[in-house]
N, C-alpha and C. Protein backbone atom coordinates (compact mmCIF):
# COMPACT_ATOMS: atom_id res chain seq x y z
N MET A 1 94.43 74.57 -83.82
CA MET A 1 95.11 75.72 -84.36
C MET A 1 96.51 75.86 -83.75
N SER A 2 96.66 75.52 -82.46
CA SER A 2 97.97 75.69 -81.82
C SER A 2 99.01 74.77 -82.43
N ALA A 3 98.62 73.56 -82.83
CA ALA A 3 99.57 72.64 -83.46
C ALA A 3 100.07 73.20 -84.79
N THR A 4 99.17 73.81 -85.54
CA THR A 4 99.55 74.41 -86.83
C THR A 4 100.49 75.58 -86.61
N LEU A 5 100.17 76.44 -85.65
CA LEU A 5 101.05 77.57 -85.36
C LEU A 5 102.42 77.10 -84.90
N PHE A 6 102.43 76.09 -84.04
CA PHE A 6 103.71 75.55 -83.58
C PHE A 6 104.53 75.02 -84.76
N SER A 7 103.88 74.30 -85.66
CA SER A 7 104.58 73.75 -86.83
C SER A 7 105.20 74.85 -87.68
N ILE A 8 104.47 75.94 -87.85
CA ILE A 8 105.00 77.07 -88.63
C ILE A 8 106.22 77.66 -87.94
N VAL A 9 106.12 77.86 -86.63
CA VAL A 9 107.23 78.46 -85.88
C VAL A 9 108.44 77.54 -85.89
N ILE A 10 108.25 76.24 -85.62
CA ILE A 10 109.39 75.32 -85.55
C ILE A 10 110.03 75.16 -86.93
N ASP A 11 109.23 75.24 -88.00
CA ASP A 11 109.80 75.20 -89.35
C ASP A 11 110.71 76.41 -89.59
N ASN A 12 110.27 77.57 -89.13
CA ASN A 12 111.11 78.76 -89.28
C ASN A 12 112.38 78.67 -88.45
N VAL A 13 112.28 78.11 -87.25
CA VAL A 13 113.47 77.91 -86.42
C VAL A 13 114.45 77.00 -87.15
N GLN A 14 113.93 75.91 -87.70
CA GLN A 14 114.80 74.97 -88.40
C GLN A 14 115.41 75.60 -89.65
N LEU A 15 114.63 76.39 -90.38
CA LEU A 15 115.18 77.06 -91.57
C LEU A 15 116.29 78.02 -91.19
N ASP A 16 116.08 78.79 -90.10
CA ASP A 16 117.13 79.70 -89.64
C ASP A 16 118.37 78.92 -89.22
N LEU A 17 118.16 77.80 -88.56
CA LEU A 17 119.28 76.98 -88.11
C LEU A 17 119.99 76.32 -89.29
N LYS A 18 119.23 75.85 -90.26
CA LYS A 18 119.84 75.22 -91.43
C LYS A 18 120.69 76.19 -92.22
N GLY A 19 120.35 77.46 -92.14
CA GLY A 19 121.20 78.46 -92.79
C GLY A 19 122.59 78.44 -92.21
N ASN A 20 122.69 77.98 -90.97
CA ASN A 20 123.98 77.91 -90.29
C ASN A 20 124.60 76.52 -90.34
N ILE A 21 123.78 75.49 -90.57
CA ILE A 21 124.35 74.14 -90.56
C ILE A 21 123.87 73.33 -91.76
N SER A 22 124.71 73.15 -92.68
CA SER A 22 124.40 72.30 -93.82
C SER A 22 125.69 71.69 -94.36
N THR A 23 126.60 71.38 -93.45
CA THR A 23 127.88 70.82 -93.84
C THR A 23 127.98 69.38 -93.33
N SER A 24 129.05 68.72 -93.64
CA SER A 24 129.25 67.36 -93.14
C SER A 24 129.65 67.36 -91.67
N ILE A 25 129.97 68.53 -91.11
CA ILE A 25 130.37 68.63 -89.71
C ILE A 25 129.15 68.70 -88.80
N LYS A 26 128.05 69.30 -89.28
CA LYS A 26 126.86 69.42 -88.44
C LYS A 26 125.60 69.42 -89.30
N GLN A 27 124.56 68.75 -88.77
CA GLN A 27 123.30 68.64 -89.48
C GLN A 27 122.15 68.71 -88.48
N CYS A 28 120.98 69.07 -88.98
CA CYS A 28 119.80 69.19 -88.14
C CYS A 28 118.65 68.42 -88.79
N SER A 29 117.96 67.61 -88.00
CA SER A 29 116.76 66.91 -88.45
C SER A 29 115.66 67.23 -87.47
N ALA A 30 114.43 67.36 -87.95
CA ALA A 30 113.33 67.67 -87.04
C ALA A 30 112.08 66.93 -87.48
N TYR A 31 111.31 66.52 -86.49
CA TYR A 31 109.99 65.94 -86.71
C TYR A 31 109.11 66.43 -85.58
N ALA A 32 108.07 67.18 -85.91
CA ALA A 32 107.21 67.82 -84.91
C ALA A 32 108.08 68.64 -83.96
N ASP A 33 108.04 68.33 -82.66
CA ASP A 33 108.84 69.12 -81.72
C ASP A 33 110.14 68.42 -81.33
N ASP A 34 110.51 67.36 -82.03
CA ASP A 34 111.77 66.66 -81.78
C ASP A 34 112.82 67.14 -82.77
N ILE A 35 113.92 67.65 -82.24
CA ILE A 35 115.02 68.12 -83.08
C ILE A 35 116.25 67.30 -82.76
N LEU A 36 116.91 66.80 -83.79
CA LEU A 36 118.11 66.00 -83.64
C LEU A 36 119.27 66.76 -84.28
N LEU A 37 120.27 67.08 -83.47
CA LEU A 37 121.49 67.71 -83.97
C LEU A 37 122.56 66.64 -84.07
N THR A 38 123.19 66.55 -85.21
CA THR A 38 124.27 65.60 -85.43
C THR A 38 125.52 66.41 -85.76
N THR A 39 126.56 66.22 -84.95
CA THR A 39 127.80 66.95 -85.19
C THR A 39 128.99 65.99 -85.09
N ARG A 40 130.09 66.39 -85.68
CA ARG A 40 131.30 65.56 -85.63
C ARG A 40 132.24 65.95 -84.51
N THR A 41 132.08 67.16 -83.97
CA THR A 41 132.98 67.61 -82.90
C THR A 41 132.17 68.22 -81.76
N MET A 42 132.78 68.25 -80.59
CA MET A 42 132.13 68.87 -79.44
C MET A 42 131.94 70.37 -79.68
N TYR A 43 132.92 71.00 -80.30
CA TYR A 43 132.79 72.43 -80.61
C TYR A 43 131.58 72.67 -81.51
N ALA A 44 131.39 71.84 -82.53
CA ALA A 44 130.26 72.00 -83.44
C ALA A 44 128.94 71.80 -82.70
N LEU A 45 128.90 70.85 -81.76
CA LEU A 45 127.69 70.63 -80.96
C LEU A 45 127.37 71.87 -80.13
N GLU A 46 128.38 72.38 -79.43
CA GLU A 46 128.17 73.55 -78.59
C GLU A 46 127.72 74.75 -79.40
N ASP A 47 128.37 75.00 -80.53
CA ASP A 47 128.02 76.12 -81.39
C ASP A 47 126.60 75.98 -81.94
N THR A 48 126.26 74.81 -82.42
CA THR A 48 124.94 74.58 -83.00
C THR A 48 123.85 74.67 -81.94
N PHE A 49 124.10 74.10 -80.76
CA PHE A 49 123.12 74.16 -79.69
C PHE A 49 122.89 75.60 -79.24
N ARG A 50 123.96 76.38 -79.16
CA ARG A 50 123.81 77.80 -78.80
C ARG A 50 122.93 78.52 -79.83
N LYS A 51 123.18 78.26 -81.11
CA LYS A 51 122.38 78.90 -82.16
C LYS A 51 120.92 78.46 -82.08
N LEU A 52 120.68 77.18 -81.82
CA LEU A 52 119.31 76.67 -81.68
C LEU A 52 118.63 77.35 -80.50
N THR A 53 119.33 77.47 -79.38
CA THR A 53 118.77 78.12 -78.20
C THR A 53 118.44 79.58 -78.49
N GLU A 54 119.35 80.27 -79.15
CA GLU A 54 119.15 81.69 -79.47
C GLU A 54 117.96 81.89 -80.40
N ILE A 55 117.89 81.12 -81.46
CA ILE A 55 116.81 81.26 -82.44
C ILE A 55 115.48 80.90 -81.79
N SER A 56 115.45 79.84 -80.99
CA SER A 56 114.22 79.41 -80.33
C SER A 56 113.72 80.47 -79.36
N THR A 57 114.63 81.06 -78.59
CA THR A 57 114.27 82.09 -77.62
C THR A 57 113.67 83.30 -78.32
N GLN A 58 114.19 83.64 -79.49
CA GLN A 58 113.69 84.80 -80.24
C GLN A 58 112.22 84.65 -80.63
N VAL A 59 111.77 83.40 -80.81
CA VAL A 59 110.37 83.17 -81.21
C VAL A 59 109.51 82.67 -80.04
N GLY A 60 110.07 82.71 -78.83
CA GLY A 60 109.29 82.36 -77.64
C GLY A 60 109.29 80.90 -77.27
N LEU A 61 110.18 80.10 -77.83
CA LEU A 61 110.27 78.68 -77.49
C LEU A 61 111.41 78.45 -76.50
N THR A 62 111.26 77.44 -75.67
CA THR A 62 112.32 77.07 -74.75
C THR A 62 112.68 75.60 -74.97
N ILE A 63 113.90 75.27 -74.62
CA ILE A 63 114.38 73.90 -74.74
C ILE A 63 114.15 73.20 -73.41
N ASN A 64 113.54 72.03 -73.46
CA ASN A 64 113.26 71.26 -72.25
C ASN A 64 114.54 70.52 -71.84
N GLU A 65 115.18 71.01 -70.79
CA GLU A 65 116.45 70.44 -70.34
C GLU A 65 116.30 68.98 -69.92
N HIS A 66 115.14 68.61 -69.39
CA HIS A 66 114.94 67.24 -68.92
C HIS A 66 114.83 66.24 -70.07
N LYS A 67 114.43 66.70 -71.23
CA LYS A 67 114.30 65.81 -72.39
C LYS A 67 115.50 65.90 -73.33
N THR A 68 116.40 66.85 -73.09
CA THR A 68 117.53 67.07 -73.97
C THR A 68 118.72 66.23 -73.51
N LYS A 69 119.22 65.37 -74.38
CA LYS A 69 120.32 64.46 -74.06
C LYS A 69 121.38 64.56 -75.15
N HIS A 70 122.56 64.02 -74.84
CA HIS A 70 123.56 63.90 -75.90
C HIS A 70 124.14 62.50 -75.87
N LEU A 71 124.46 62.02 -77.05
CA LEU A 71 124.97 60.67 -77.25
C LEU A 71 126.28 60.79 -78.00
N ARG A 72 127.30 60.18 -77.48
CA ARG A 72 128.61 60.20 -78.14
C ARG A 72 128.81 58.86 -78.84
N CYS A 73 129.03 58.91 -80.13
CA CYS A 73 129.26 57.71 -80.92
C CYS A 73 130.75 57.55 -81.15
N ILE A 74 131.33 56.57 -80.50
CA ILE A 74 132.76 56.34 -80.60
C ILE A 74 133.02 54.86 -80.34
N LYS A 75 133.99 54.28 -81.02
CA LYS A 75 134.26 52.86 -80.87
C LYS A 75 134.93 52.51 -79.55
N LYS A 76 135.80 53.42 -79.03
CA LYS A 76 136.50 53.12 -77.79
C LYS A 76 135.59 53.39 -76.59
N GLN A 77 135.92 52.77 -75.48
CA GLN A 77 135.22 53.06 -74.23
C GLN A 77 135.54 54.49 -73.83
N HIS A 78 134.57 55.18 -73.28
CA HIS A 78 134.80 56.55 -72.84
C HIS A 78 133.98 56.82 -71.59
N LYS A 79 134.42 57.80 -70.86
CA LYS A 79 133.76 58.20 -69.63
C LYS A 79 132.46 58.93 -69.96
N MET A 80 131.39 58.58 -69.26
CA MET A 80 130.11 59.25 -69.46
C MET A 80 130.14 60.59 -68.72
N VAL A 81 130.01 61.67 -69.47
CA VAL A 81 130.09 63.00 -68.89
C VAL A 81 129.01 63.88 -69.51
N GLY A 82 128.23 64.53 -68.66
CA GLY A 82 127.27 65.51 -69.15
C GLY A 82 128.01 66.77 -69.55
N ILE A 83 127.38 67.60 -70.35
CA ILE A 83 127.98 68.87 -70.74
C ILE A 83 127.00 70.00 -70.45
N ASP A 84 127.53 71.18 -70.26
CA ASP A 84 126.72 72.36 -70.01
C ASP A 84 126.94 73.36 -71.14
N ILE A 85 125.82 73.75 -71.77
CA ILE A 85 125.88 74.73 -72.86
C ILE A 85 124.77 75.75 -72.58
N THR A 86 125.11 77.00 -72.62
CA THR A 86 124.15 78.09 -72.40
C THR A 86 123.23 77.83 -71.21
N GLN A 87 123.80 77.51 -70.10
CA GLN A 87 123.08 77.26 -68.85
C GLN A 87 122.13 76.07 -68.94
N THR A 88 122.33 75.19 -69.91
CA THR A 88 121.53 73.99 -70.05
C THR A 88 122.45 72.78 -69.88
N HIS A 89 122.06 71.87 -68.99
CA HIS A 89 122.85 70.65 -68.79
C HIS A 89 122.34 69.57 -69.72
N LEU A 90 123.23 68.99 -70.49
CA LEU A 90 122.88 67.90 -71.39
C LEU A 90 123.44 66.60 -70.82
N GLU A 91 122.57 65.75 -70.36
CA GLU A 91 122.97 64.45 -69.82
C GLU A 91 123.48 63.57 -70.97
N GLN A 92 124.58 62.88 -70.73
CA GLN A 92 125.07 61.94 -71.75
C GLN A 92 124.40 60.59 -71.51
N VAL A 93 123.94 59.96 -72.58
CA VAL A 93 123.27 58.67 -72.50
C VAL A 93 123.95 57.67 -73.42
N LYS A 94 123.76 56.39 -73.14
CA LYS A 94 124.32 55.35 -74.00
C LYS A 94 123.38 55.03 -75.16
N SER A 95 122.09 55.30 -74.98
CA SER A 95 121.12 55.10 -76.04
C SER A 95 119.89 55.95 -75.73
N PHE A 96 119.05 56.17 -76.75
CA PHE A 96 117.80 56.89 -76.56
C PHE A 96 116.84 56.49 -77.66
N LYS A 97 115.59 56.79 -77.44
CA LYS A 97 114.56 56.48 -78.44
C LYS A 97 114.24 57.75 -79.21
N TYR A 98 114.37 57.70 -80.53
CA TYR A 98 114.05 58.82 -81.39
C TYR A 98 113.09 58.36 -82.46
N LEU A 99 111.92 58.96 -82.47
CA LEU A 99 110.86 58.61 -83.42
C LEU A 99 110.56 57.10 -83.41
N GLY A 100 110.56 56.52 -82.22
CA GLY A 100 110.18 55.12 -82.05
C GLY A 100 111.30 54.12 -82.23
N SER A 101 112.48 54.55 -82.60
CA SER A 101 113.61 53.63 -82.78
C SER A 101 114.71 53.92 -81.77
N ILE A 102 115.39 52.89 -81.33
CA ILE A 102 116.47 53.06 -80.38
C ILE A 102 117.76 53.38 -81.13
N VAL A 103 118.39 54.47 -80.71
CA VAL A 103 119.66 54.90 -81.28
C VAL A 103 120.71 54.75 -80.19
N ASN A 104 121.89 54.20 -80.54
CA ASN A 104 122.94 54.05 -79.54
C ASN A 104 124.29 54.44 -80.12
N GLY A 105 125.27 54.55 -79.23
CA GLY A 105 126.58 55.05 -79.62
C GLY A 105 127.46 54.07 -80.35
N ASN A 106 127.12 52.79 -80.33
CA ASN A 106 127.97 51.81 -81.02
C ASN A 106 127.33 51.30 -82.31
N ASN A 107 126.25 51.95 -82.75
CA ASN A 107 125.60 51.63 -84.01
C ASN A 107 125.09 50.18 -84.07
N SER A 108 124.66 49.66 -82.94
CA SER A 108 124.16 48.30 -82.86
C SER A 108 122.63 48.31 -82.90
N ILE A 109 122.04 47.29 -83.53
CA ILE A 109 120.58 47.21 -83.57
C ILE A 109 120.03 46.14 -82.62
N GLU A 110 120.91 45.53 -81.83
CA GLU A 110 120.47 44.45 -80.94
C GLU A 110 119.40 44.91 -79.95
N GLU A 111 119.59 46.08 -79.33
CA GLU A 111 118.62 46.60 -78.37
C GLU A 111 117.27 46.85 -79.03
N GLU A 112 117.29 47.37 -80.24
CA GLU A 112 116.06 47.63 -81.00
C GLU A 112 115.34 46.32 -81.31
N ILE A 113 116.07 45.31 -81.72
CA ILE A 113 115.47 44.02 -82.04
C ILE A 113 114.84 43.39 -80.80
N LYS A 114 115.57 43.44 -79.67
CA LYS A 114 115.03 42.89 -78.41
C LYS A 114 113.73 43.58 -78.02
N GLU A 115 113.70 44.90 -78.15
CA GLU A 115 112.48 45.63 -77.79
C GLU A 115 111.32 45.28 -78.70
N ARG A 116 111.59 45.17 -79.99
CA ARG A 116 110.51 44.83 -80.93
C ARG A 116 109.99 43.42 -80.68
N ILE A 117 110.89 42.48 -80.36
CA ILE A 117 110.45 41.12 -80.04
C ILE A 117 109.60 41.14 -78.78
N SER A 118 110.04 41.90 -77.77
CA SER A 118 109.31 42.03 -76.52
C SER A 118 107.92 42.62 -76.76
N LEU A 119 107.84 43.67 -77.57
CA LEU A 119 106.56 44.29 -77.87
C LEU A 119 105.68 43.34 -78.68
N GLY A 120 106.29 42.59 -79.58
CA GLY A 120 105.53 41.60 -80.36
C GLY A 120 104.96 40.51 -79.48
N ASN A 121 105.75 40.04 -78.51
CA ASN A 121 105.27 39.01 -77.58
C ASN A 121 104.14 39.55 -76.72
N LYS A 122 104.23 40.80 -76.27
CA LYS A 122 103.15 41.39 -75.45
C LYS A 122 101.88 41.48 -76.26
N ALA A 123 101.99 41.87 -77.53
CA ALA A 123 100.80 41.96 -78.38
C ALA A 123 100.21 40.58 -78.60
N PHE A 124 101.07 39.57 -78.77
CA PHE A 124 100.62 38.20 -78.99
C PHE A 124 99.86 37.69 -77.77
N TYR A 125 100.41 37.92 -76.58
CA TYR A 125 99.77 37.45 -75.35
C TYR A 125 98.51 38.24 -75.03
N ALA A 126 98.41 39.47 -75.50
CA ALA A 126 97.24 40.29 -75.21
C ALA A 126 96.03 39.84 -76.02
N ASN A 127 96.28 39.17 -77.14
CA ASN A 127 95.17 38.76 -78.01
C ASN A 127 94.49 37.55 -77.51
């Protein structure tokens, strides 16, 4: 029953958030308790994250700071810097796993392919 209640609550959070973000500047995707915010600017990220935090708090949900990361997608080299929004520190990462797939800032699939080959080899040797 708790999973069903959580799904109802998180759907309402996402609907409230989507009312605020449905442009090409910012978007929201969610699967179960994983929420992915995609923005084109740092200001849009900060604004959207604040709204997500506010809406979530209103329904009794909290954001897990240890699992919350941000990834900057840019072609040039850049300094890795965490950001702080609404008393939450967002660690910057070069890549992360979302719904089983590796996402990175340079839009490369090499890391994903290496991991799948590695997992395939482990399964082969386990048999």
